[in-house]
Amino acid sequence: LKSAKASGKSKQERRSNREPDMKMIDLHCHILYDIDDGAKTKEDSAALLHTAVQNGIKAIIATPHFNDYSAVDEFVAKRDERVNFLREFIGEKGLDIGLGAGAEVFLQNDVFSDCDLSPLCINGSRYLLCEYTLRPFDPKYAVIYAERVLSMGLVPIIAHPERYICFHPEKGVAKELCDMGALLQVNASSLAGRGGDEIKDYATELVLSRLADFVATDAHSAVSRPNDIIKCAERFDERITSEDIKRLVYKNPLKVLKDEIL
């Protein structure tokens, strides 16, 4: 890599409990301009970088959406061009943040092709950030697709499982994914309630049951979908401790960057 849900405590007290130790490696961020539905311009990318620095984010993995299994090389070339531009910007502005490359790979039937997905892994590791459709689907396919990724010798990190509404009534799906070797990444905005109470409750359940391995921002814009982790953490369920947060936003992500086994 280069270069609570409110209790009786006041907002200021909750902030003092979260902010001093807040340090983050953001494994899921759509910071690259003009490549997907995230940042649209170079200025949008710069705004996300500045917000990240203000929120104690020490490193960002750029994870643009990937769904064309016939065009891995083209995707990687465009992604890396954007990453290199932002690294130069970071250096010019003297920002204290690192930027790495990955992708958010859409798991579909094409995953059974002979496509090599390893160039899309996070920071050259074995870890691959993956997502499913947000439309209703049979959760058994979540397991089937994850098994396929594992068969490649890669470790799937399932992005925002709390957003797959079909997972909610099927309580065993998340555990089955974890038991087979997949990892789960919950969005900070979901834990803060920005997706609604049902999504917040399920995200919180994943964290408290220790099925969740990471919290990331999934930021798309500094305005509409920001990477303001400190503000989000103020609205996490009070049962989520500061040690939980450290593990989910820094300690576990650091192991991914080092390609260590969780």
Protein backbone atom coordinates (compact mmCIF):
# COMPACT_ATOMS: atom_id res chain seq x y z
CA LEU A 1 0.00 0.00 0.00
CA LYS A 2 1.36 3.36 -0.98
CA SER A 3 1.98 6.46 0.49
CA ALA A 4 -24.26 4.11 18.83
CA LYS A 5 -27.46 4.32 19.03
CA ALA A 6 -27.53 7.13 21.59
CA SER A 7 -27.69 6.19 25.23
CA GLY A 8 -28.12 8.70 28.00
CA LYS A 9 -24.75 10.23 27.11
CA SER A 10 -24.57 13.56 25.36
CA LYS A 11 -23.38 13.79 21.78
CA GLN A 12 -20.17 15.45 23.00
CA GLU A 13 -19.51 12.63 25.49
CA ARG A 14 -20.09 9.97 22.84
CA ARG A 15 -17.73 11.78 20.48
CA SER A 16 -15.02 11.98 23.16
CA ASN A 17 -15.32 8.23 23.67
CA ARG A 18 -14.99 7.42 19.96
CA GLU A 19 -12.82 10.07 18.36
CA PRO A 20 -9.43 10.03 20.17
CA ASP A 21 -8.68 6.42 19.18
CA MET A 22 -10.45 6.55 15.84
CA LYS A 23 -8.07 5.21 13.22
CA MET A 24 -9.31 3.47 10.12
CA ILE A 25 -8.30 1.52 7.06
CA ASP A 26 -11.23 1.82 4.67
CA LEU A 27 -11.44 -1.39 2.62
CA HIS A 28 -14.46 -0.29 0.57
CA CYS A 29 -14.62 3.12 -1.08
CA HIS A 30 -15.69 4.38 -4.51
CA ILE A 31 -13.17 7.18 -4.56
CA LEU A 32 -11.92 6.86 -8.14
CA TYR A 33 -13.39 9.45 -10.47
CA ASP A 34 -15.29 8.63 -13.65
CA ILE A 35 -15.15 4.86 -13.40
CA ASP A 36 -18.41 3.81 -11.72
CA ASP A 37 -21.28 5.36 -9.72
CA GLY A 38 -18.89 6.85 -7.18
CA ALA A 39 -16.83 10.01 -7.57
CA LYS A 40 -17.66 11.73 -10.84
CA THR A 41 -14.79 14.20 -11.11
CA LYS A 42 -11.26 14.69 -9.84
CA GLU A 43 -12.68 17.26 -7.46
CA ASP A 44 -15.09 14.66 -6.06
CA SER A 45 -12.18 12.28 -5.44
CA ALA A 46 -10.23 15.06 -3.73
CA ALA A 47 -13.19 15.86 -1.48
CA LEU A 48 -13.40 12.24 -0.35
CA LEU A 49 -9.67 12.26 0.41
CA HIS A 50 -9.98 15.39 2.54
CA THR A 51 -12.98 13.97 4.41
CA ALA A 52 -11.03 10.78 5.02
CA VAL A 53 -8.09 12.65 6.54
CA GLN A 54 -10.45 14.63 8.79
CA ASN A 55 -11.95 11.35 10.02
CA GLY A 56 -8.75 9.55 10.92
CA ILE A 57 -8.74 7.30 7.87
CA LYS A 58 -5.12 6.30 7.31
CA ALA A 59 -5.57 4.27 4.15
CA ILE A 60 -8.24 3.77 1.50
CA ILE A 61 -8.66 0.86 -0.86
CA ALA A 62 -10.26 2.07 -4.07
CA THR A 63 -12.92 -0.52 -4.92
CA PRO A 64 -14.80 0.46 -8.09
CA HIS A 65 -17.62 -1.81 -9.20
CA PHE A 66 -16.58 -4.64 -11.52
CA ASN A 67 -19.06 -6.77 -13.47
CA ASP A 68 -17.58 -7.42 -16.95
CA TYR A 69 -15.70 -10.70 -16.58
CA SER A 70 -14.41 -10.44 -20.16
CA ALA A 71 -12.56 -7.18 -19.50
CA VAL A 72 -10.40 -7.61 -16.41
CA ASP A 73 -7.27 -6.17 -18.04
CA GLU A 74 -9.08 -3.09 -19.35
CA PHE A 75 -10.69 -2.51 -15.96
CA VAL A 76 -7.40 -2.83 -14.09
CA ALA A 77 -5.64 -0.46 -16.50
CA LYS A 78 -8.28 2.24 -16.01
CA ARG A 79 -8.40 1.68 -12.26
CA ASP A 80 -4.64 1.92 -11.88
CA GLU A 81 -4.50 5.09 -13.97
CA ARG A 82 -6.97 6.73 -11.59
CA VAL A 83 -5.13 5.40 -8.53
CA ASN A 84 -1.80 6.77 -9.75
CA PHE A 85 -3.33 10.19 -10.38
CA LEU A 86 -4.73 10.32 -6.84
CA ARG A 87 -1.43 9.16 -5.35
CA GLU A 88 0.27 12.07 -7.09
CA PHE A 89 -2.42 14.40 -5.72
CA ILE A 90 -1.87 13.02 -2.21
CA GLY A 91 1.84 13.67 -2.52
CA GLU A 92 1.39 17.19 -3.89
CA LYS A 93 -1.00 18.14 -1.09
CA GLY A 94 1.02 16.37 1.61
CA LEU A 95 -1.98 14.37 2.82
CA ASP A 96 -1.31 11.76 5.51
CA ILE A 97 -3.13 8.89 3.83
CA GLY A 98 -2.33 5.85 1.73
CA LEU A 99 -4.23 4.62 -1.31
CA GLY A 100 -4.44 1.03 -2.53
CA ALA A 101 -6.36 -0.75 -5.27
CA GLY A 102 -9.01 -3.42 -5.36
CA ALA A 103 -12.51 -3.80 -6.78
CA GLU A 104 -16.05 -4.61 -5.73
CA VAL A 105 -16.74 -7.71 -7.81
CA PHE A 106 -20.34 -8.47 -8.69
CA LEU A 107 -20.90 -12.19 -8.18
CA GLN A 108 -23.05 -13.71 -10.88
CA ASN A 109 -23.02 -16.82 -13.10
CA ASP A 110 -19.98 -15.46 -14.95
CA VAL A 111 -17.93 -16.30 -11.88
CA PHE A 112 -17.90 -19.89 -13.20
CA SER A 113 -15.93 -18.81 -16.27
CA ASP A 114 -12.17 -19.21 -16.48
CA CYS A 115 -11.70 -15.54 -15.58
CA ASP A 116 -8.75 -14.82 -13.28
CA LEU A 117 -10.06 -12.51 -10.56
CA SER A 118 -6.81 -12.25 -8.61
CA PRO A 119 -5.83 -8.87 -10.19
CA LEU A 120 -8.95 -7.45 -8.53
CA CYS A 121 -7.99 -8.51 -5.01
CA ILE A 122 -7.33 -5.92 -2.31
CA ASN A 123 -3.78 -4.56 -2.41
CA GLY A 124 -2.43 -7.66 -4.15
CA SER A 125 -3.64 -9.95 -1.36
CA ARG A 126 -5.79 -13.09 -1.46
CA TYR A 127 -8.83 -11.07 -0.31
CA LEU A 128 -11.53 -10.19 -2.87
CA LEU A 129 -14.33 -7.74 -2.07
CA CYS A 130 -17.56 -9.16 -3.52
CA GLU A 131 -21.18 -8.09 -3.78
CA TYR A 132 -24.52 -9.57 -4.79
CA THR A 133 -27.53 -8.00 -6.43
CA LEU A 134 -29.62 -5.75 -4.20
CA ARG A 135 -32.74 -7.16 -5.85
CA PRO A 136 -34.50 -10.10 -4.18
CA PHE A 137 -32.69 -13.39 -4.87
CA ASP A 138 -32.43 -16.90 -3.46
CA PRO A 139 -29.75 -16.74 -0.74
CA LYS A 140 -28.48 -20.19 -1.74
CA TYR A 141 -26.76 -18.49 -4.68
CA ALA A 142 -24.81 -16.33 -2.24
CA VAL A 143 -23.25 -19.52 -0.89
CA ILE A 144 -22.72 -21.07 -4.33
CA TYR A 145 -20.94 -17.99 -5.70
CA ALA A 146 -18.81 -17.61 -2.58
CA GLU A 147 -17.78 -21.27 -2.83
CA ARG A 148 -16.61 -20.62 -6.38
CA VAL A 149 -14.40 -17.72 -5.25
CA LEU A 150 -12.94 -19.89 -2.49
CA SER A 151 -12.18 -22.61 -5.05
CA MET A 152 -9.93 -20.10 -6.82
CA GLY A 153 -7.78 -19.84 -3.71
CA LEU A 154 -9.21 -16.42 -2.91
CA VAL A 155 -11.05 -15.26 0.20
CA PRO A 156 -14.34 -13.47 -0.53
CA ILE A 157 -15.18 -10.47 1.61
CA ILE A 158 -18.93 -10.02 1.23
CA ALA A 159 -19.75 -6.33 1.00
CA HIS A 160 -22.66 -4.94 3.04
CA PRO A 161 -24.57 -8.18 3.80
CA GLU A 162 -27.05 -6.10 5.79
CA ARG A 163 -28.28 -4.55 2.53
CA TYR A 164 -29.39 -7.92 1.11
CA ILE A 165 -32.90 -7.99 2.50
CA CYS A 166 -33.26 -11.67 1.59
CA PHE A 167 -30.60 -12.43 4.21
CA HIS A 168 -32.67 -10.99 7.05
CA PRO A 169 -35.26 -13.77 7.44
CA GLU A 170 -32.67 -16.45 6.58
CA LYS A 171 -30.65 -16.10 9.76
CA GLY A 172 -28.35 -18.98 8.90
CA VAL A 173 -27.04 -17.57 5.60
CA ALA A 174 -24.52 -15.18 7.11
CA LYS A 175 -23.21 -17.87 9.46
CA GLU A 176 -22.98 -20.41 6.63
CA LEU A 177 -20.90 -17.95 4.61
CA CYS A 178 -18.61 -17.38 7.57
CA ASP A 179 -18.31 -21.08 8.37
CA MET A 180 -17.18 -21.84 4.81
CA GLY A 181 -14.45 -19.19 4.98
CA ALA A 182 -16.04 -16.02 3.62
CA LEU A 183 -15.75 -12.76 5.56
CA LEU A 184 -18.36 -10.05 6.05
CA GLN A 185 -17.99 -6.27 5.69
CA VAL A 186 -20.70 -4.04 7.15
CA ASN A 187 -21.18 -0.41 6.12
CA ALA A 188 -20.65 2.26 8.78
CA SER A 189 -23.63 4.16 7.39
CA SER A 190 -25.83 1.10 7.98
CA LEU A 191 -24.74 0.88 11.61
CA ALA A 192 -25.54 4.59 11.91
CA GLY A 193 -29.10 4.02 10.70
CA ARG A 194 -28.81 5.79 7.37
CA GLY A 195 -30.35 2.81 5.59
CA GLY A 196 -33.28 2.57 7.96
CA ASP A 197 -33.96 0.71 11.19
CA GLU A 198 -34.25 -2.78 9.69
CA ILE A 199 -30.85 -2.56 8.03
CA LYS A 200 -29.30 -0.99 11.14
CA ASP A 201 -30.68 -3.74 13.37
CA TYR A 202 -29.35 -6.51 11.12
CA ALA A 203 -25.96 -4.82 10.75
CA THR A 204 -25.74 -4.44 14.52
CA GLU A 205 -26.68 -8.08 15.00
CA LEU A 206 -23.83 -9.12 12.67
CA VAL A 207 -21.36 -7.05 14.68
CA LEU A 208 -22.54 -8.16 18.12
CA SER A 209 -22.58 -11.84 17.07
CA ARG A 210 -19.01 -11.37 15.75
CA LEU A 211 -20.00 -12.55 12.29
CA ALA A 212 -18.90 -9.19 10.85
CA ASP A 213 -15.17 -8.91 10.25
CA PHE A 214 -14.93 -5.36 8.91
CA VAL A 215 -16.67 -2.01 8.91
CA ALA A 216 -16.00 0.21 5.90
CA THR A 217 -17.53 3.38 4.49
CA ASP A 218 -18.65 2.30 0.99
CA ALA A 219 -18.43 6.04 0.30
CA HIS A 220 -19.47 7.31 -3.12
CA SER A 221 -19.52 11.07 -2.56
CA ALA A 222 -18.34 13.50 0.11
CA VAL A 223 -21.82 15.05 -0.06
CA SER A 224 -24.45 12.33 -0.50
CA ARG A 225 -22.64 9.15 0.63
CA PRO A 226 -19.62 10.38 2.62
CA ASN A 227 -16.79 8.64 4.45
CA ASP A 228 -17.51 10.46 7.72
CA ILE A 229 -16.73 7.53 10.02
CA ILE A 230 -16.56 9.65 13.20
CA LYS A 231 -20.07 10.99 12.72
CA CYS A 232 -21.31 7.49 11.90
CA ALA A 233 -19.68 5.98 15.00
CA GLU A 234 -21.56 8.43 17.22
CA ARG A 235 -24.78 6.70 16.13
CA PHE A 236 -23.66 3.09 16.49
CA ASP A 237 -25.59 0.95 18.96
CA GLU A 238 -24.14 1.56 22.46
CA ARG A 239 -23.42 -2.16 22.82
CA ILE A 240 -20.74 -1.86 20.14
CA THR A 241 -17.60 -1.07 22.12
CA SER A 242 -14.57 0.97 21.18
CA GLU A 243 -12.60 -2.30 21.05
CA ASP A 244 -15.13 -3.70 18.57
CA ILE A 245 -14.66 -0.63 16.41
CA LYS A 246 -10.85 -0.86 16.50
CA ARG A 247 -11.00 -4.48 15.46
CA LEU A 248 -13.45 -3.85 12.61
CA VAL A 249 -12.06 -0.65 11.15
CA TYR A 250 -8.32 -1.06 11.73
CA LYS A 251 -6.93 -4.29 13.17
CA ASN A 252 -8.67 -6.70 10.79
CA PRO A 253 -8.24 -4.48 7.70
CA LEU A 254 -4.53 -4.21 8.47
CA LYS A 255 -4.28 -8.00 8.34
CA VAL A 256 -5.87 -7.92 4.89
CA LEU A 257 -3.34 -5.37 3.65
CA LYS A 258 -0.55 -7.59 4.97
CA ASP A 259 -2.23 -10.64 3.37
CA GLU A 260 -2.37 -12.34 6.75
CA ILE A 261 -4.96 -14.91 7.78
CA LEU A 262 -7.77 -13.61 9.97
